[in-house]
Amino acid sequence: MPLLYVSVSADLHPFFLIHIKTMGQKKKSASLFIRLVSAAGTGFFYVKRKNPKRIQTKLEFRKYDPRVNRHVLFTEAKMK
């Protein structure tokens, strides 16, 4: 981790320099956004986050589709 040295005052001895650690970079998120598309063919979809390292199978949920006014199967599709 790089250190950032900041001088308190120009007339102070270099011994009194304050070292401040810079904030480290965050890790890149392993999760992806996926689209859950209605099997009823209405085009309605939900967006969900998925970690492909933990879950390798395609997601399927039974959720509410307001265009047909009932619960239907929603399957995973890639985000465009």
PDB file of N, CA and C in Angstrom:
ATOM      1  N   MET A   1       0.846  -1.168   0.000  1.00  0.00           N
ATOM      2  CA  MET A   1       0.000   0.000   0.000  1.00  0.00           C
ATOM      3  C   MET A   1       0.896   1.238   0.000  1.00  0.00           C
ATOM      4  N   PRO A   2       0.665   2.175  -0.908  1.00  0.00           N
ATOM      5  CA  PRO A   2       1.530   3.351  -0.948  1.00  0.00           C
ATOM      6  C   PRO A   2       1.239   4.285   0.224  1.00  0.00           C
ATOM      7  N   LEU A   3       2.272   4.949   0.686  1.00  0.00           N
ATOM      8  CA  LEU A   3       2.120   5.905   1.776  1.00  0.00           C
ATOM      9  C   LEU A   3       2.146   7.314   1.204  1.00  0.00           C
ATOM     10  N   LEU A   4       1.367   8.173   1.784  1.00  0.00           N
ATOM     11  CA  LEU A   4       1.305   9.560   1.375  1.00  0.00           C
ATOM     12  C   LEU A   4       1.865  10.385   2.522  1.00  0.00           C
ATOM     13  N   TYR A   5       2.929  11.124   2.261  1.00  0.00           N
ATOM     14  CA  TYR A   5       3.551  11.939   3.296  1.00  0.00           C
ATOM     15  C   TYR A   5       3.090  13.384   3.136  1.00  0.00           C
ATOM     16  N   VAL A   6       2.604  13.948   4.234  1.00  0.00           N
ATOM     17  CA  VAL A   6       2.100  15.310   4.231  1.00  0.00           C
ATOM     18  C   VAL A   6       2.885  16.107   5.252  1.00  0.00           C
ATOM     19  N   SER A   7       3.376  17.250   4.854  1.00  0.00           N
ATOM     20  CA  SER A   7       4.140  18.105   5.753  1.00  0.00           C
ATOM     21  C   SER A   7       3.182  18.938   6.595  1.00  0.00           C
ATOM     22  N   VAL A   8       3.432  18.994   7.898  1.00  0.00           N
ATOM     23  CA  VAL A   8       2.598  19.791   8.794  1.00  0.00           C
ATOM     24  C   VAL A   8       2.905  21.261   8.604  1.00  0.00           C
ATOM     25  N   SER A   9       4.162  21.577   8.579  1.00  0.00           N
ATOM     26  CA  SER A   9       4.579  22.969   8.386  1.00  0.00           C
ATOM     27  C   SER A   9       5.948  22.948   7.714  1.00  0.00           C
ATOM     28  N   ALA A  10       6.255  23.985   6.969  1.00  0.00           N
ATOM     29  CA  ALA A  10       7.510  24.035   6.232  1.00  0.00           C
ATOM     30  C   ALA A  10       8.703  24.252   7.165  1.00  0.00           C
ATOM     31  N   ASP A  11       8.501  24.876   8.318  1.00  0.00           N
ATOM     32  CA  ASP A  11       9.619  25.177   9.204  1.00  0.00           C
ATOM     33  C   ASP A  11       9.905  24.067  10.222  1.00  0.00           C
ATOM     34  N   LEU A  12       9.092  22.982  10.254  1.00  0.00           N
ATOM     35  CA  LEU A  12       9.334  21.884  11.170  1.00  0.00           C
ATOM     36  C   LEU A  12      10.390  20.939  10.605  1.00  0.00           C
ATOM     37  N   HIS A  13      11.021  20.230  11.499  1.00  0.00           N
ATOM     38  CA  HIS A  13      12.032  19.253  11.127  1.00  0.00           C
ATOM     39  C   HIS A  13      11.362  18.101  10.364  1.00  0.00           C
ATOM     40  N   PRO A  14      12.038  17.460   9.384  1.00  0.00           N
ATOM     41  CA  PRO A  14      11.428  16.355   8.636  1.00  0.00           C
ATOM     42  C   PRO A  14      10.992  15.189   9.515  1.00  0.00           C
ATOM     43  N   PHE A  15      11.524  15.096  10.737  1.00  0.00           N
ATOM     44  CA  PHE A  15      11.131  14.041  11.648  1.00  0.00           C
ATOM     45  C   PHE A  15       9.647  14.133  11.995  1.00  0.00           C
ATOM     46  N   PHE A  16       9.086  15.325  11.931  1.00  0.00           N
ATOM     47  CA  PHE A  16       7.707  15.543  12.346  1.00  0.00           C
ATOM     48  C   PHE A  16       6.709  15.416  11.192  1.00  0.00           C
ATOM     49  N   LEU A  17       7.146  14.832  10.088  1.00  0.00           N
ATOM     50  CA  LEU A  17       6.211  14.613   8.980  1.00  0.00           C
ATOM     51  C   LEU A  17       5.188  13.547   9.385  1.00  0.00           C
ATOM     52  N   ILE A  18       3.995  13.768   8.999  1.00  0.00           N
ATOM     53  CA  ILE A  18       2.921  12.830   9.315  1.00  0.00           C
ATOM     54  C   ILE A  18       2.715  11.930   8.106  1.00  0.00           C
ATOM     55  N   HIS A  19       2.727  10.636   8.317  1.00  0.00           N
ATOM     56  CA  HIS A  19       2.436   9.743   7.203  1.00  0.00           C
ATOM     57  C   HIS A  19       1.005   9.229   7.363  1.00  0.00           C
ATOM     58  N   ILE A  20       0.291   9.298   6.284  1.00  0.00           N
ATOM     59  CA  ILE A  20      -1.107   8.899   6.260  1.00  0.00           C
ATOM     60  C   ILE A  20      -1.250   7.811   5.205  1.00  0.00           C
ATOM     61  N   LYS A  21      -1.838   6.709   5.579  1.00  0.00           N
ATOM     62  CA  LYS A  21      -2.070   5.656   4.614  1.00  0.00           C
ATOM     63  C   LYS A  21      -3.242   6.050   3.733  1.00  0.00           C
ATOM     64  N   THR A  22      -3.065   5.869   2.443  1.00  0.00           N
ATOM     65  CA  THR A  22      -4.170   6.147   1.533  1.00  0.00           C
ATOM     66  C   THR A  22      -5.130   4.977   1.568  1.00  0.00           C
ATOM     67  N   MET A  23      -6.355   5.242   1.234  1.00  0.00           N
ATOM     68  CA  MET A  23      -7.369   4.198   1.217  1.00  0.00           C
ATOM     69  C   MET A  23      -7.049   3.210   0.104  1.00  0.00           C
ATOM     70  N   GLY A  24      -7.107   1.934   0.405  1.00  0.00           N
ATOM     71  CA  GLY A  24      -6.848   0.908  -0.594  1.00  0.00           C
ATOM     72  C   GLY A  24      -8.018   0.789  -1.561  1.00  0.00           C
ATOM     73  N   GLN A  25      -7.730   0.275  -2.710  1.00  0.00           N
ATOM     74  CA  GLN A  25      -8.777   0.077  -3.698  1.00  0.00           C
ATOM     75  C   GLN A  25      -9.676  -1.073  -3.250  1.00  0.00           C
ATOM     76  N   LYS A  26     -10.974  -0.955  -3.523  1.00  0.00           N
ATOM     77  CA  LYS A  26     -11.903  -2.030  -3.201  1.00  0.00           C
ATOM     78  C   LYS A  26     -11.755  -3.138  -4.226  1.00  0.00           C
ATOM     79  N   LYS A  27     -12.048  -4.350  -3.789  1.00  0.00           N
ATOM     80  CA  LYS A  27     -12.008  -5.466  -4.713  1.00  0.00           C
ATOM     81  C   LYS A  27     -13.182  -5.356  -5.678  1.00  0.00           C
ATOM     82  N   LYS A  28     -12.950  -5.842  -6.869  1.00  0.00           N
ATOM     83  CA  LYS A  28     -14.017  -5.839  -7.853  1.00  0.00           C
ATOM     84  C   LYS A  28     -15.061  -6.874  -7.439  1.00  0.00           C
ATOM     85  N   SER A  29     -16.297  -6.495  -7.520  1.00  0.00           N
ATOM     86  CA  SER A  29     -17.376  -7.374  -7.087  1.00  0.00           C
ATOM     87  C   SER A  29     -17.452  -8.601  -7.989  1.00  0.00           C
ATOM     88  N   ALA A  30     -17.615  -9.772  -7.380  1.00  0.00           N
ATOM     89  CA  ALA A  30     -17.696 -11.015  -8.143  1.00  0.00           C
ATOM     90  C   ALA A  30     -19.100 -11.244  -8.670  1.00  0.00           C
ATOM     91  N   SER A  31     -20.078 -10.520  -8.160  1.00  0.00           N
ATOM     92  CA  SER A  31     -21.453 -10.773  -8.561  1.00  0.00           C
ATOM     93  C   SER A  31     -21.806 -10.011  -9.844  1.00  0.00           C
ATOM     94  N   LEU A  32     -22.722 -10.588 -10.596  1.00  0.00           N
ATOM     95  CA  LEU A  32     -23.206 -10.015 -11.845  1.00  0.00           C
ATOM     96  C   LEU A  32     -24.700  -9.749 -11.723  1.00  0.00           C
ATOM     97  N   PHE A  33     -25.190  -8.834 -12.534  1.00  0.00           N
ATOM     98  CA  PHE A  33     -26.625  -8.618 -12.613  1.00  0.00           C
ATOM     99  C   PHE A  33     -27.173  -9.514 -13.706  1.00  0.00           C
ATOM    100  N   ILE A  34     -28.260 -10.211 -13.384  1.00  0.00           N
ATOM    101  CA  ILE A  34     -28.922 -11.055 -14.368  1.00  0.00           C
ATOM    102  C   ILE A  34     -30.362 -10.604 -14.498  1.00  0.00           C
ATOM    103  N   ARG A  35     -30.985 -11.031 -15.574  1.00  0.00           N
ATOM    104  CA  ARG A  35     -32.371 -10.677 -15.847  1.00  0.00           C
ATOM    105  C   ARG A  35     -33.213 -11.935 -15.700  1.00  0.00           C
ATOM    106  N   LEU A  36     -34.275 -11.858 -14.930  1.00  0.00           N
ATOM    107  CA  LEU A  36     -35.228 -12.962 -14.801  1.00  0.00           C
ATOM    108  C   LEU A  36     -36.418 -12.646 -15.702  1.00  0.00           C
ATOM    109  N   VAL A  37     -36.573 -13.414 -16.776  1.00  0.00           N
ATOM    110  CA  VAL A  37     -37.582 -13.147 -17.803  1.00  0.00           C
ATOM    111  C   VAL A  37     -38.787 -14.050 -17.581  1.00  0.00           C
ATOM    112  N   SER A  38     -39.969 -13.488 -17.759  1.00  0.00           N
ATOM    113  CA  SER A  38     -41.212 -14.221 -17.556  1.00  0.00           C
ATOM    114  C   SER A  38     -41.391 -15.298 -18.617  1.00  0.00           C
ATOM    115  N   ALA A  39     -41.817 -16.481 -18.177  1.00  0.00           N
ATOM    116  CA  ALA A  39     -42.093 -17.579 -19.105  1.00  0.00           C
ATOM    117  C   ALA A  39     -43.444 -17.401 -19.787  1.00  0.00           C
ATOM    118  N   ALA A  40     -44.246 -16.442 -19.339  1.00  0.00           N
ATOM    119  CA  ALA A  40     -45.556 -16.199 -19.948  1.00  0.00           C
ATOM    120  C   ALA A  40     -45.418 -15.460 -21.283  1.00  0.00           C
ATOM    121  N   GLY A  41     -44.226 -14.977 -21.585  1.00  0.00           N
ATOM    122  CA  GLY A  41     -43.998 -14.299 -22.866  1.00  0.00           C
ATOM    123  C   GLY A  41     -44.467 -12.857 -22.905  1.00  0.00           C
ATOM    124  N   THR A  42     -44.631 -12.249 -21.746  1.00  0.00           N
ATOM    125  CA  THR A  42     -45.109 -10.868 -21.706  1.00  0.00           C
ATOM    126  C   THR A  42     -43.975  -9.859 -21.861  1.00  0.00           C
ATOM    127  N   GLY A  43     -42.742 -10.300 -21.677  1.00  0.00           N
ATOM    128  CA  GLY A  43     -41.606  -9.377 -21.750  1.00  0.00           C
ATOM    129  C   GLY A  43     -41.274  -8.743 -20.412  1.00  0.00           C
ATOM    130  N   PHE A  44     -42.052  -9.036 -19.392  1.00  0.00           N
ATOM    131  CA  PHE A  44     -41.790  -8.497 -18.061  1.00  0.00           C
ATOM    132  C   PHE A  44     -40.587  -9.224 -17.466  1.00  0.00           C
ATOM    133  N   PHE A  45     -39.737  -8.484 -16.729  1.00  0.00           N
ATOM    134  CA  PHE A  45     -38.544  -9.096 -16.147  1.00  0.00           C
ATOM    135  C   PHE A  45     -38.211  -8.449 -14.818  1.00  0.00           C
ATOM    136  N   TYR A  46     -37.482  -9.191 -14.001  1.00  0.00           N
ATOM    137  CA  TYR A  46     -36.905  -8.705 -12.758  1.00  0.00           C
ATOM    138  C   TYR A  46     -35.393  -8.697 -12.937  1.00  0.00           C
ATOM    139  N   VAL A  47     -34.687  -7.855 -12.181  1.00  0.00           N
ATOM    140  CA  VAL A  47     -33.230  -7.833 -12.188  1.00  0.00           C
ATOM    141  C   VAL A  47     -32.755  -8.318 -10.830  1.00  0.00           C
ATOM    142  N   LYS A  48     -31.797  -9.252 -10.856  1.00  0.00           N
ATOM    143  CA  LYS A  48     -31.285  -9.839  -9.626  1.00  0.00           C
ATOM    144  C   LYS A  48     -29.777  -9.926  -9.715  1.00  0.00           C
ATOM    145  N   ARG A  49     -29.125  -9.949  -8.580  1.00  0.00           N
ATOM    146  CA  ARG A  49     -27.679 -10.083  -8.508  1.00  0.00           C
ATOM    147  C   ARG A  49     -27.329 -11.545  -8.237  1.00  0.00           C
ATOM    148  N   LYS A  50     -26.308 -12.053  -8.948  1.00  0.00           N
ATOM    149  CA  LYS A  50     -25.913 -13.449  -8.801  1.00  0.00           C
ATOM    150  C   LYS A  50     -24.393 -13.541  -8.752  1.00  0.00           C
ATOM    151  N   ASN A  51     -23.885 -14.370  -7.833  1.00  0.00           N
ATOM    152  CA  ASN A  51     -22.458 -14.630  -7.761  1.00  0.00           C
ATOM    153  C   ASN A  51     -22.202 -15.959  -8.466  1.00  0.00           C
ATOM    154  N   PRO A  52     -21.622 -15.934  -9.685  1.00  0.00           N
ATOM    155  CA  PRO A  52     -21.439 -17.181 -10.428  1.00  0.00           C
ATOM    156  C   PRO A  52     -20.418 -18.131  -9.803  1.00  0.00           C
ATOM    157  N   LYS A  53     -19.587 -17.649  -8.883  1.00  0.00           N
ATOM    158  CA  LYS A  53     -18.648 -18.539  -8.210  1.00  0.00           C
ATOM    159  C   LYS A  53     -19.362 -19.433  -7.207  1.00  0.00           C
ATOM    160  N   ARG A  54     -20.446 -18.932  -6.629  1.00  0.00           N
ATOM    161  CA  ARG A  54     -21.186 -19.705  -5.631  1.00  0.00           C
ATOM    162  C   ARG A  54     -22.318 -20.512  -6.254  1.00  0.00           C
ATOM    163  N   ILE A  55     -22.993 -19.960  -7.268  1.00  0.00           N
ATOM    164  CA  ILE A  55     -24.151 -20.602  -7.884  1.00  0.00           C
ATOM    165  C   ILE A  55     -23.865 -20.783  -9.373  1.00  0.00           C
ATOM    166  N   GLN A  56     -23.650 -22.038  -9.810  1.00  0.00           N
ATOM    167  CA  GLN A  56     -23.330 -22.285 -11.212  1.00  0.00           C
ATOM    168  C   GLN A  56     -24.572 -22.564 -12.058  1.00  0.00           C
ATOM    169  N   THR A  57     -25.672 -22.990 -11.439  1.00  0.00           N
ATOM    170  CA  THR A  57     -26.872 -23.337 -12.190  1.00  0.00           C
ATOM    171  C   THR A  57     -27.656 -22.083 -12.559  1.00  0.00           C
ATOM    172  N   LYS A  58     -28.512 -22.222 -13.574  1.00  0.00           N
ATOM    173  CA  LYS A  58     -29.371 -21.104 -13.957  1.00  0.00           C
ATOM    174  C   LYS A  58     -30.484 -20.956 -12.920  1.00  0.00           C
ATOM    175  N   LEU A  59     -30.790 -19.726 -12.586  1.00  0.00           N
ATOM    176  CA  LEU A  59     -31.816 -19.469 -11.577  1.00  0.00           C
ATOM    177  C   LEU A  59     -33.204 -19.542 -12.196  1.00  0.00           C
ATOM    178  N   GLU A  60     -34.136 -20.078 -11.437  1.00  0.00           N
ATOM    179  CA  GLU A  60     -35.551 -20.101 -11.815  1.00  0.00           C
ATOM    180  C   GLU A  60     -36.361 -19.795 -10.566  1.00  0.00           C
ATOM    181  N   PHE A  61     -37.268 -18.848 -10.683  1.00  0.00           N
ATOM    182  CA  PHE A  61     -38.130 -18.471  -9.570  1.00  0.00           C
ATOM    183  C   PHE A  61     -39.567 -18.416 -10.047  1.00  0.00           C
ATOM    184  N   ARG A  62     -40.474 -18.634  -9.129  1.00  0.00           N
ATOM    185  CA  ARG A  62     -41.889 -18.427  -9.395  1.00  0.00           C
ATOM    186  C   ARG A  62     -42.249 -17.100  -8.762  1.00  0.00           C
ATOM    187  N   LYS A  63     -42.471 -16.097  -9.609  1.00  0.00           N
ATOM    188  CA  LYS A  63     -42.720 -14.741  -9.127  1.00  0.00           C
ATOM    189  C   LYS A  63     -43.959 -14.176  -9.818  1.00  0.00           C
ATOM    190  N   TYR A  64     -44.371 -13.026  -9.332  1.00  0.00           N
ATOM    191  CA  TYR A  64     -45.590 -12.390  -9.824  1.00  0.00           C
ATOM    192  C   TYR A  64     -45.322 -11.619 -11.117  1.00  0.00           C
ATOM    193  N   ASP A  65     -46.151 -11.868 -12.127  1.00  0.00           N
ATOM    194  CA  ASP A  65     -46.104 -11.119 -13.389  1.00  0.00           C
ATOM    195  C   ASP A  65     -47.362 -10.256 -13.455  1.00  0.00           C
ATOM    196  N   PRO A  66     -47.209  -8.930 -13.310  1.00  0.00           N
ATOM    197  CA  PRO A  66     -48.401  -8.064 -13.272  1.00  0.00           C
ATOM    198  C   PRO A  66     -49.128  -7.953 -14.609  1.00  0.00           C
ATOM    199  N   ARG A  67     -48.491  -8.322 -15.696  1.00  0.00           N
ATOM    200  CA  ARG A  67     -49.152  -8.211 -17.004  1.00  0.00           C
ATOM    201  C   ARG A  67     -50.173  -9.322 -17.235  1.00  0.00           C
ATOM    202  N   VAL A  68     -49.982 -10.474 -16.604  1.00  0.00           N
ATOM    203  CA  VAL A  68     -50.971 -11.551 -16.694  1.00  0.00           C
ATOM    204  C   VAL A  68     -51.695 -11.738 -15.368  1.00  0.00           C
ATOM    205  N   ASN A  69     -51.318 -10.969 -14.362  1.00  0.00           N
ATOM    206  CA  ASN A  69     -51.966 -10.938 -13.055  1.00  0.00           C
ATOM    207  C   ASN A  69     -51.920 -12.284 -12.334  1.00  0.00           C
ATOM    208  N   ARG A  70     -50.767 -12.960 -12.416  1.00  0.00           N
ATOM    209  CA  ARG A  70     -50.591 -14.223 -11.711  1.00  0.00           C
ATOM    210  C   ARG A  70     -49.114 -14.542 -11.545  1.00  0.00           C
ATOM    211  N   HIS A  71     -48.828 -15.580 -10.728  1.00  0.00           N
ATOM    212  CA  HIS A  71     -47.458 -16.030 -10.529  1.00  0.00           C
ATOM    213  C   HIS A  71     -47.078 -16.980 -11.666  1.00  0.00           C
ATOM    214  N   VAL A  72     -45.919 -16.733 -12.255  1.00  0.00           N
ATOM    215  CA  VAL A  72     -45.418 -17.575 -13.340  1.00  0.00           C
ATOM    216  C   VAL A  72     -43.942 -17.857 -13.104  1.00  0.00           C
ATOM    217  N   LEU A  73     -43.379 -18.750 -13.906  1.00  0.00           N
ATOM    218  CA  LEU A  73     -41.975 -19.100 -13.802  1.00  0.00           C
ATOM    219  C   LEU A  73     -41.120 -18.026 -14.472  1.00  0.00           C
ATOM    220  N   PHE A  74     -40.078 -17.586 -13.780  1.00  0.00           N
ATOM    221  CA  PHE A  74     -39.117 -16.623 -14.318  1.00  0.00           C
ATOM    222  C   PHE A  74     -37.777 -17.329 -14.425  1.00  0.00           C
ATOM    223  N   THR A  75     -37.151 -17.300 -15.602  1.00  0.00           N
ATOM    224  CA  THR A  75     -35.876 -17.964 -15.824  1.00  0.00           C
ATOM    225  C   THR A  75     -34.781 -16.941 -16.092  1.00  0.00           C
ATOM    226  N   GLU A  76     -33.557 -17.346 -15.818  1.00  0.00           N
ATOM    227  CA  GLU A  76     -32.402 -16.465 -15.941  1.00  0.00           C
ATOM    228  C   GLU A  76     -32.050 -16.215 -17.415  1.00  0.00           C
ATOM    229  N   ALA A  77     -31.735 -14.968 -17.719  1.00  0.00           N
ATOM    230  CA  ALA A  77     -31.234 -14.573 -19.033  1.00  0.00           C
ATOM    231  C   ALA A  77     -30.153 -13.514 -18.806  1.00  0.00           C
ATOM    232  N   LYS A  78     -29.268 -13.352 -19.781  1.00  0.00           N
ATOM    233  CA  LYS A  78     -28.194 -12.370 -19.657  1.00  0.00           C
ATOM    234  C   LYS A  78     -28.737 -10.956 -19.795  1.00  0.00           C
ATOM    235  N   MET A  79     -28.070 -10.025 -19.138  1.00  0.00           N
ATOM    236  CA  MET A  79     -28.400  -8.608 -19.308  1.00  0.00           C
ATOM    237  C   MET A  79     -27.851  -8.158 -20.650  1.00  0.00           C
ATOM    238  N   LYS A  80     -28.563  -7.295 -21.327  1.00  0.00           N
ATOM    239  CA  LYS A  80     -28.106  -6.801 -22.633  1.00  0.00           C
ATOM    240  C   LYS A  80     -27.253  -5.574 -22.459  1.00  0.00           C
TER     241      LYS A  80
END
